[in-house]
């Protein structure tokens, strides 16, 4: 998408002052007049707020392509990377495929949205729920365009009349619900994993944390002195933060402390607890070529490490001993299922941080106390010493 690398060019066009922005010329008044200077200052300010695109408000010839470029720039600067990536996929791969020519933004009707949605269906890339989500993102783009006065409000309102695809809609499919992975399968996988990944898997199974909350863990986020017998992992940002309005705290009992402690020594507060470099050092026994590995795992590298371990294991195992495929996110469901069996549904919900947006701060305190109690009594199902006692 085009971006503004330098300020708009200010020049004289006969008697008039003109500004060139992305190949377009905008006359802003008589050259040298106070009005033209004010208009130029406003245009500069608008271009800084939205560098990709800065048309005159309400201009009739604004195109879908121009608004899409502006919105993606806005999304990249204001949203997280995963959110921006989803917007970029639906805009670049689908919206602009049909309307990246000279289609005017106010000519984008509900029938146009349905055409783009049908292309998503025919691509077979996404399940029905994801298609509904991507359709909503396109509507969000045009709602933002109306807010910025690049499109008429009626354009966005009309798009909101398009109904979501219902289950069973022709050409769509449903993704299977994510299931937990049995402890016995995890136990069989562990010997084939590097020690660092083993610790991550066991920690996630014990606490029910999301994969990102494990591989993004930093040394300085673990408070080892806040509570007797417990460490507190303070997560600065989490998935439900906007809904619940509080910071997430994960109490870490003795089993978790035992897993984490070897990865804390000698590190700065900003350093990752579980690093790919440490895992490679464990695997190879050398520090050579460590610079090619990042400081943090991500969802892909963490998942790939587990997948490759299972594949390597299955090459060595007979057909009746094969390890089924599983992913780190299933560990969260494994923790919930185990907790629900052991202590009940409410506790499992607290473990997963599944709570109502209307939950009060008082309940948050009770929830933390409940999590601390659970952490103090937790046992590691993969600890052989505990299994024997």
Protein backbone atom coordinates (compact mmCIF):
# COMPACT_ATOMS: atom_id res chain seq x y z
CA UNK A 1 0.00 0.00 0.00
CA UNK A 2 1.29 3.49 -0.80
CA UNK A 3 2.65 5.52 2.06
CA UNK A 4 3.64 9.14 2.34
CA UNK A 5 7.43 9.36 2.58
CA UNK A 6 7.66 13.15 2.40
CA UNK A 7 5.33 16.12 3.07
CA UNK A 8 2.90 17.22 0.34
CA UNK A 9 4.56 19.37 -2.30
CA UNK A 10 3.50 23.01 -2.03
CA UNK A 11 3.80 24.98 -5.25
CA UNK A 12 2.37 27.88 -7.27
CA UNK A 13 -0.10 27.13 -10.03
CA UNK A 14 -0.63 30.49 -11.70
CA UNK A 15 -2.43 32.58 -9.14
CA UNK A 16 -3.26 29.61 -6.98
CA UNK A 17 -1.42 27.54 -4.41
CA UNK A 18 -1.49 23.81 -5.13
CA UNK A 19 -0.54 20.70 -3.18
CA UNK A 20 0.47 17.42 -4.84
CA UNK A 21 -0.35 14.35 -2.78
CA UNK A 22 -0.05 10.80 -4.19
CA UNK A 23 -0.13 12.09 -7.73
CA UNK A 24 -3.19 14.28 -7.22
CA UNK A 25 -3.26 18.05 -7.28
CA UNK A 26 -5.31 19.96 -4.75
CA UNK A 27 -5.83 23.71 -5.11
CA UNK A 28 -6.03 25.32 -1.68
CA UNK A 29 -6.65 29.01 -2.51
CA UNK A 30 -4.89 32.08 -3.82
CA UNK A 31 -1.12 31.84 -3.57
CA UNK A 32 0.22 33.72 -0.55
CA UNK A 33 -3.23 34.34 0.94
CA UNK A 34 -3.92 33.59 4.62
CA UNK A 35 -6.61 31.14 3.52
CA UNK A 36 -4.18 29.07 1.44
CA UNK A 37 -1.67 28.99 4.30
CA UNK A 38 -4.35 27.78 6.71
CA UNK A 39 -5.51 25.15 4.20
CA UNK A 40 -1.92 23.98 3.70
CA UNK A 41 -1.30 23.71 7.45
CA UNK A 42 -4.52 21.71 7.82
CA UNK A 43 -3.53 19.38 4.98
CA UNK A 44 -0.13 18.78 6.59
CA UNK A 45 -1.76 17.97 9.91
CA UNK A 46 -4.22 15.58 8.26
CA UNK A 47 -1.43 13.83 6.36
CA UNK A 48 0.40 13.19 9.66
CA UNK A 49 -2.73 11.74 11.23
CA UNK A 50 -3.35 9.51 8.22
CA UNK A 51 -0.16 9.37 6.11
CA UNK A 52 -1.40 6.94 3.49
CA UNK A 53 -4.14 9.17 2.18
CA UNK A 54 -5.50 12.64 2.78
CA UNK A 55 -8.24 13.65 0.34
CA UNK A 56 -10.46 16.63 0.84
CA UNK A 57 -13.32 15.69 3.10
CA UNK A 58 -16.44 14.59 1.26
CA UNK A 59 -14.76 14.58 -2.15
CA UNK A 60 -17.05 12.78 -4.61
CA UNK A 61 -14.35 10.89 -6.53
CA UNK A 62 -12.77 9.09 -3.56
CA UNK A 63 -12.22 5.45 -4.53
CA UNK A 64 -12.41 2.19 -2.59
CA UNK A 65 -8.70 1.65 -3.25
CA UNK A 66 -7.76 5.00 -1.72
CA UNK A 67 -9.89 4.43 1.36
CA UNK A 68 -8.51 0.89 1.74
CA UNK A 69 -4.95 2.26 1.66
CA UNK A 70 -5.84 4.87 4.27
CA UNK A 71 -7.56 2.37 6.53
CA UNK A 72 -4.71 -0.17 6.41
CA UNK A 73 -2.24 2.54 7.36
CA UNK A 74 -4.53 3.52 10.24
CA UNK A 75 -4.88 -0.15 11.31
CA UNK A 76 -1.12 -0.74 11.19
CA UNK A 77 -0.47 2.22 13.49
CA UNK A 78 -3.30 1.67 15.96
CA UNK A 79 -3.99 -2.08 16.10
CA UNK A 80 -1.90 -5.05 17.10
CA UNK A 81 -0.05 -7.02 14.42
CA UNK A 82 -2.46 -10.01 14.36
CA UNK A 83 -5.46 -7.71 14.00
CA UNK A 84 -3.78 -5.72 11.24
CA UNK A 85 -2.82 -8.92 9.43
CA UNK A 86 -6.45 -10.04 9.30
CA UNK A 87 -7.51 -6.69 7.86
CA UNK A 88 -4.75 -6.83 5.27
CA UNK A 89 -5.80 -10.32 4.14
CA UNK A 90 -9.44 -9.42 3.60
CA UNK A 91 -8.62 -6.06 1.95
CA UNK A 92 -5.77 -7.08 -0.33
CA UNK A 93 -6.86 -10.63 -1.23
CA UNK A 94 -10.58 -10.03 -1.61
CA UNK A 95 -11.89 -6.45 -1.46
CA UNK A 96 -9.35 -4.97 -3.88
CA UNK A 97 -9.52 -8.01 -6.16
CA UNK A 98 -12.90 -6.79 -7.39
CA UNK A 99 -12.96 -3.14 -6.37
CA UNK A 100 -9.33 -2.04 -6.59
CA UNK A 101 -9.90 -0.17 -9.84
CA UNK A 102 -11.70 3.14 -9.91
CA UNK A 103 -14.81 2.11 -8.01
CA UNK A 104 -16.04 5.03 -5.93
CA UNK A 105 -16.38 4.41 -2.22
CA UNK A 106 -20.00 5.57 -2.21
CA UNK A 107 -20.82 3.13 -5.01
CA UNK A 108 -19.94 0.15 -2.79
CA UNK A 109 -23.36 -1.36 -2.09
CA UNK A 110 -24.52 -4.40 -0.10
CA UNK A 111 -24.48 -6.38 -3.37
CA UNK A 112 -20.77 -5.56 -3.69
CA UNK A 113 -20.12 -6.80 -0.17
CA UNK A 114 -21.98 -10.03 -0.93
CA UNK A 115 -19.86 -10.52 -4.05
CA UNK A 116 -16.66 -10.19 -2.01
CA UNK A 117 -18.07 -12.57 0.59
CA UNK A 118 -18.95 -15.11 -2.09
CA UNK A 119 -15.35 -14.99 -3.31
CA UNK A 120 -14.23 -15.83 0.24
CA UNK A 121 -16.62 -18.80 0.24
CA UNK A 122 -15.36 -20.08 -3.11
CA UNK A 123 -11.73 -19.75 -2.03
CA UNK A 124 -12.34 -22.43 0.67
CA UNK A 125 -9.69 -20.71 2.79
CA UNK A 126 -11.93 -19.90 5.73
CA UNK A 127 -14.69 -21.52 7.74
CA UNK A 128 -18.13 -19.91 7.94
CA UNK A 129 -17.37 -18.11 11.22
CA UNK A 130 -14.16 -16.64 9.78
CA UNK A 131 -15.99 -15.45 6.67
CA UNK A 132 -18.56 -13.70 8.87
CA UNK A 133 -15.71 -12.11 10.81
CA UNK A 134 -13.94 -10.90 7.66
CA UNK A 135 -17.22 -9.52 6.30
CA UNK A 136 -17.61 -7.58 9.53
CA UNK A 137 -14.10 -6.19 9.07
CA UNK A 138 -15.01 -4.82 5.64
CA UNK A 139 -18.03 -3.11 7.18
CA UNK A 140 -15.73 -1.69 9.87
CA UNK A 141 -13.52 -0.24 7.14
CA UNK A 142 -16.44 1.62 5.55
CA UNK A 143 -17.74 2.73 8.96
CA UNK A 144 -14.31 4.23 9.63
CA UNK A 145 -14.40 5.88 6.19
CA UNK A 146 -17.73 7.49 7.10
CA UNK A 147 -16.29 8.69 10.41
CA UNK A 148 -13.33 10.24 8.56
CA UNK A 149 -15.79 11.81 6.06
CA UNK A 150 -14.31 9.87 3.15
CA UNK A 151 -17.66 8.16 2.57
CA UNK A 152 -21.30 8.93 3.15
CA UNK A 153 -22.74 7.60 6.38
CA UNK A 154 -25.51 5.90 4.40
CA UNK A 155 -22.91 3.77 2.62
CA UNK A 156 -21.76 2.20 5.88
CA UNK A 157 -25.32 1.90 7.22
CA UNK A 158 -26.45 0.04 4.11
CA UNK A 159 -23.62 -2.49 4.46
CA UNK A 160 -24.75 -3.27 8.01
CA UNK A 161 -28.00 -4.68 6.60
CA UNK A 162 -26.10 -7.67 5.19
CA UNK A 163 -26.92 -10.61 7.46
CA UNK A 164 -24.36 -13.06 8.78
CA UNK A 165 -24.10 -16.47 7.14
CA UNK A 166 -26.04 -19.05 9.12
CA UNK A 167 -24.82 -22.56 9.81
CA UNK A 168 -25.23 -24.79 6.78
CA UNK A 169 -24.99 -21.96 4.24
CA UNK A 170 -24.19 -23.45 0.79
CA UNK A 171 -20.45 -23.70 0.10
CA UNK A 172 -19.34 -23.05 3.70
CA UNK A 173 -17.86 -25.43 6.24
CA UNK A 174 -17.45 -25.52 10.00
CA UNK A 175 -14.13 -25.99 11.77
CA UNK A 176 -14.23 -28.77 14.36
CA UNK A 177 -14.26 -27.62 17.97
CA UNK A 178 -10.79 -27.63 19.52
CA UNK A 179 -10.45 -30.56 21.92
CA UNK A 180 -8.11 -31.18 24.82
CA UNK A 181 -5.11 -33.50 24.55
CA UNK A 182 -4.86 -36.36 27.03
CA UNK A 183 -2.09 -36.29 29.63
CA UNK A 184 -0.87 -39.68 28.47
CA UNK A 185 -0.28 -38.31 24.96
CA UNK A 186 1.58 -35.32 26.40
CA UNK A 187 3.68 -37.64 28.55
CA UNK A 188 4.67 -39.71 25.51
CA UNK A 189 5.62 -36.57 23.57
CA UNK A 190 7.78 -34.93 26.24
CA UNK A 191 10.94 -37.09 25.79
CA UNK A 192 11.17 -35.96 22.15
CA UNK A 193 10.98 -32.24 22.98
CA UNK A 194 13.94 -29.96 23.89
CA UNK A 195 14.02 -29.23 27.61
CA UNK A 196 12.87 -25.65 27.07
CA UNK A 197 9.80 -26.75 25.11
CA UNK A 198 9.14 -29.46 27.70
CA UNK A 199 9.02 -26.79 30.40
CA UNK A 200 6.71 -24.60 28.31
CA UNK A 201 4.32 -27.48 27.61
CA UNK A 202 4.19 -28.59 31.24
CA UNK A 203 3.74 -25.02 32.48
CA UNK A 204 0.89 -24.41 30.06
CA UNK A 205 -0.82 -27.68 30.97
CA UNK A 206 -0.62 -26.79 34.68
CA UNK A 207 -1.81 -23.17 34.46
CA UNK A 208 -4.11 -23.20 31.42
CA UNK A 209 -2.38 -20.13 30.01
CA UNK A 210 -2.65 -19.25 26.35
CA UNK A 211 0.43 -20.14 24.26
CA UNK A 212 1.26 -16.44 23.83
CA UNK A 213 1.22 -15.93 27.59
CA UNK A 214 3.87 -18.64 27.93
CA UNK A 215 6.24 -17.77 25.09
CA UNK A 216 6.00 -14.01 25.76
CA UNK A 217 6.85 -14.41 29.45
CA UNK A 218 9.63 -12.06 30.59
CA UNK A 219 11.82 -12.44 33.66
CA UNK A 220 10.75 -9.08 35.11
CA UNK A 221 7.06 -9.98 34.94
CA UNK A 222 7.46 -12.70 37.57
CA UNK A 223 7.17 -11.38 41.13
CA UNK A 224 8.90 -13.88 43.42
CA UNK A 225 8.30 -11.95 46.66
CA UNK A 226 4.66 -10.91 46.54
CA UNK A 227 3.07 -13.90 48.27
CA UNK A 228 4.33 -16.56 50.64
CA UNK A 229 4.94 -19.78 48.73
CA UNK A 230 3.76 -18.33 45.43
CA UNK A 231 5.20 -16.40 42.52
CA UNK A 232 2.91 -14.06 40.62
CA UNK A 233 3.19 -13.76 36.85
CA UNK A 234 1.77 -10.34 35.96
CA UNK A 235 0.71 -10.32 32.30
CA UNK A 236 0.70 -6.71 31.01
CA UNK A 237 -1.68 -7.37 28.11
CA UNK A 238 -4.09 -10.21 27.45
CA UNK A 239 -6.91 -11.15 25.10
CA UNK A 240 -9.84 -10.15 27.31
CA UNK A 241 -8.25 -7.03 28.79
CA UNK A 242 -10.64 -4.59 27.08
CA UNK A 243 -13.66 -6.52 28.30
CA UNK A 244 -12.72 -7.16 31.90
CA UNK A 245 -10.76 -3.94 32.55
CA UNK A 246 -8.03 -5.49 34.69
CA UNK A 247 -4.55 -6.91 34.40
CA UNK A 248 -4.20 -10.66 34.44
CA UNK A 249 -2.21 -12.30 37.23
CA UNK A 250 -1.27 -15.99 37.15
CA UNK A 251 -0.21 -17.44 40.54
CA UNK A 252 2.63 -19.95 40.17
CA UNK A 253 2.88 -22.74 42.72
CA UNK A 254 5.84 -24.99 43.50
CA UNK A 255 5.49 -27.20 40.38
CA UNK A 256 5.52 -24.12 38.12
CA UNK A 257 8.38 -22.54 40.04
CA UNK A 258 10.40 -25.71 39.62
CA UNK A 259 9.91 -25.56 35.86
CA UNK A 260 10.67 -21.85 35.51
CA UNK A 261 13.53 -21.31 37.97
CA UNK A 262 16.36 -22.70 35.75
CA UNK A 263 15.43 -20.19 33.04
CA UNK A 264 15.54 -17.09 35.25
CA UNK A 265 19.11 -17.08 36.50
CA UNK A 266 21.44 -14.40 35.16
CA UNK A 267 18.88 -12.74 32.90
CA UNK A 268 17.80 -9.12 32.64
CA UNK A 269 14.16 -8.26 33.50
CA UNK A 270 13.28 -7.69 29.84
CA UNK A 271 14.72 -11.04 28.72
CA UNK A 272 12.50 -13.92 27.71
CA UNK A 273 12.11 -16.78 30.15
CA UNK A 274 11.89 -19.39 27.37
CA UNK A 275 14.17 -18.56 24.45
CA UNK A 276 14.73 -20.45 21.17
CA UNK A 277 18.45 -19.80 21.67
CA UNK A 278 18.37 -21.69 24.94
CA UNK A 279 16.52 -24.57 23.30
CA UNK A 280 19.08 -24.82 20.50
CA UNK A 281 21.92 -24.64 23.00
CA UNK A 282 20.33 -27.56 24.87
CA UNK A 283 19.94 -29.48 21.64
CA UNK A 284 23.38 -28.87 20.12
CA UNK A 285 25.52 -28.28 23.21
CA UNK A 286 27.18 -25.27 21.56
CA UNK A 287 26.75 -21.49 21.24
CA UNK A 288 27.61 -21.43 17.56
CA UNK A 289 25.20 -19.67 15.17
CA UNK A 290 22.83 -18.66 17.98
CA UNK A 291 22.35 -15.21 16.42
CA UNK A 292 20.05 -16.63 13.77
CA UNK A 293 17.48 -17.53 16.43
CA UNK A 294 15.19 -14.97 18.02
CA UNK A 295 14.90 -14.13 21.68
CA UNK A 296 11.23 -15.15 21.83
CA UNK A 297 9.14 -17.97 20.43
CA UNK A 298 5.94 -17.09 18.57
CA UNK A 299 2.75 -19.06 17.93
CA UNK A 300 4.21 -20.59 14.76
CA UNK A 301 7.64 -21.57 16.10
CA UNK A 302 6.16 -22.96 19.32
CA UNK A 303 3.58 -25.01 17.44
CA UNK A 304 6.17 -26.15 14.89
CA UNK A 305 8.52 -27.35 17.64
CA UNK A 306 5.78 -29.59 19.04
CA UNK A 307 4.70 -30.79 15.59
CA UNK A 308 8.25 -31.71 14.57
CA UNK A 309 8.82 -33.55 17.83
CA UNK A 310 5.72 -35.67 17.19
CA UNK A 311 6.82 -36.35 13.60
CA UNK A 312 10.32 -37.35 14.76
CA UNK A 313 8.84 -39.59 17.43
CA UNK A 314 6.51 -41.34 15.01
CA UNK A 315 9.41 -42.18 12.69
CA UNK A 316 10.89 -44.20 15.54
CA UNK A 317 7.69 -45.76 16.83
CA UNK A 318 5.70 -48.69 15.52
CA UNK A 319 2.30 -48.15 13.96
CA UNK A 320 0.41 -49.04 17.13
CA UNK A 321 2.54 -46.63 19.21
CA UNK A 322 2.12 -43.54 17.01
CA UNK A 323 1.56 -40.23 18.86
CA UNK A 324 -1.55 -38.34 17.61
CA UNK A 325 -1.04 -34.81 16.33
CA UNK A 326 -1.77 -32.05 18.86
CA UNK A 327 -0.98 -28.35 19.26
CA UNK A 328 -0.05 -26.14 22.23
CA UNK A 329 -3.43 -24.43 22.27
CA UNK A 330 -5.07 -27.75 23.18
CA UNK A 331 -3.12 -27.70 26.44
CA UNK A 332 -5.33 -24.86 27.62
CA UNK A 333 -8.38 -27.09 27.18
CA UNK A 334 -6.56 -29.98 28.85
CA UNK A 335 -5.97 -27.84 31.93
CA UNK A 336 -9.61 -26.77 31.98
CA UNK A 337 -10.92 -30.33 31.60
CA UNK A 338 -8.66 -31.63 34.38
CA UNK A 339 -9.61 -28.78 36.70
CA UNK A 340 -13.32 -29.24 36.04
CA UNK A 341 -13.06 -32.90 37.02
CA UNK A 342 -10.97 -32.19 40.12
CA UNK A 343 -12.65 -29.14 41.65
CA UNK A 344 -15.61 -28.08 39.50
CA UNK A 345 -16.77 -25.89 36.66
CA UNK A 346 -16.42 -22.51 38.39
CA UNK A 347 -12.75 -23.10 39.20
CA UNK A 348 -12.00 -24.20 35.64
CA UNK A 349 -13.59 -20.99 34.36
CA UNK A 350 -11.44 -18.95 36.72
CA UNK A 351 -8.36 -20.81 35.51
CA UNK A 352 -9.10 -19.92 31.87
CA UNK A 353 -10.05 -16.34 32.70
CA UNK A 354 -13.52 -16.87 31.20
CA UNK A 355 -15.58 -14.19 32.86
CA UNK A 356 -18.33 -11.73 32.10
CA UNK A 357 -17.53 -8.21 30.94
CA UNK A 358 -19.79 -7.01 33.78
CA UNK A 359 -17.78 -8.75 36.49
CA UNK A 360 -16.94 -6.36 39.31
CA UNK A 361 -13.55 -5.54 40.79
CA UNK A 362 -14.71 -7.28 43.97
CA UNK A 363 -15.14 -10.53 42.07
CA UNK A 364 -11.70 -10.03 40.52
CA UNK A 365 -10.20 -10.06 44.03
CA UNK A 366 -12.10 -13.24 44.92
CA UNK A 367 -11.03 -14.80 41.65
CA UNK A 368 -7.34 -14.09 42.35
CA UNK A 369 -7.61 -15.59 45.81
CA UNK A 370 -9.21 -18.68 44.30
CA UNK A 371 -6.40 -18.98 41.76
CA UNK A 372 -3.80 -18.67 44.52
CA UNK A 373 -5.47 -21.48 46.44
CA UNK A 374 -5.49 -23.66 43.34
CA UNK A 375 -1.83 -22.90 42.62
CA UNK A 376 -0.76 -23.90 46.15
CA UNK A 377 -2.47 -27.28 45.86
CA UNK A 378 -1.54 -28.01 42.25
CA UNK A 379 0.45 -31.13 41.37
CA UNK A 380 2.43 -31.75 38.19
CA UNK A 381 1.06 -34.90 36.47
CA UNK A 382 4.35 -35.30 34.60
CA UNK A 383 6.61 -35.15 37.66
CA UNK A 384 7.77 -38.72 38.25
CA UNK A 385 8.77 -37.98 41.85
CA UNK A 386 5.25 -36.82 42.70
CA UNK A 387 3.70 -39.70 40.77
CA UNK A 388 5.51 -42.21 42.96
CA UNK A 389 4.37 -40.64 46.25
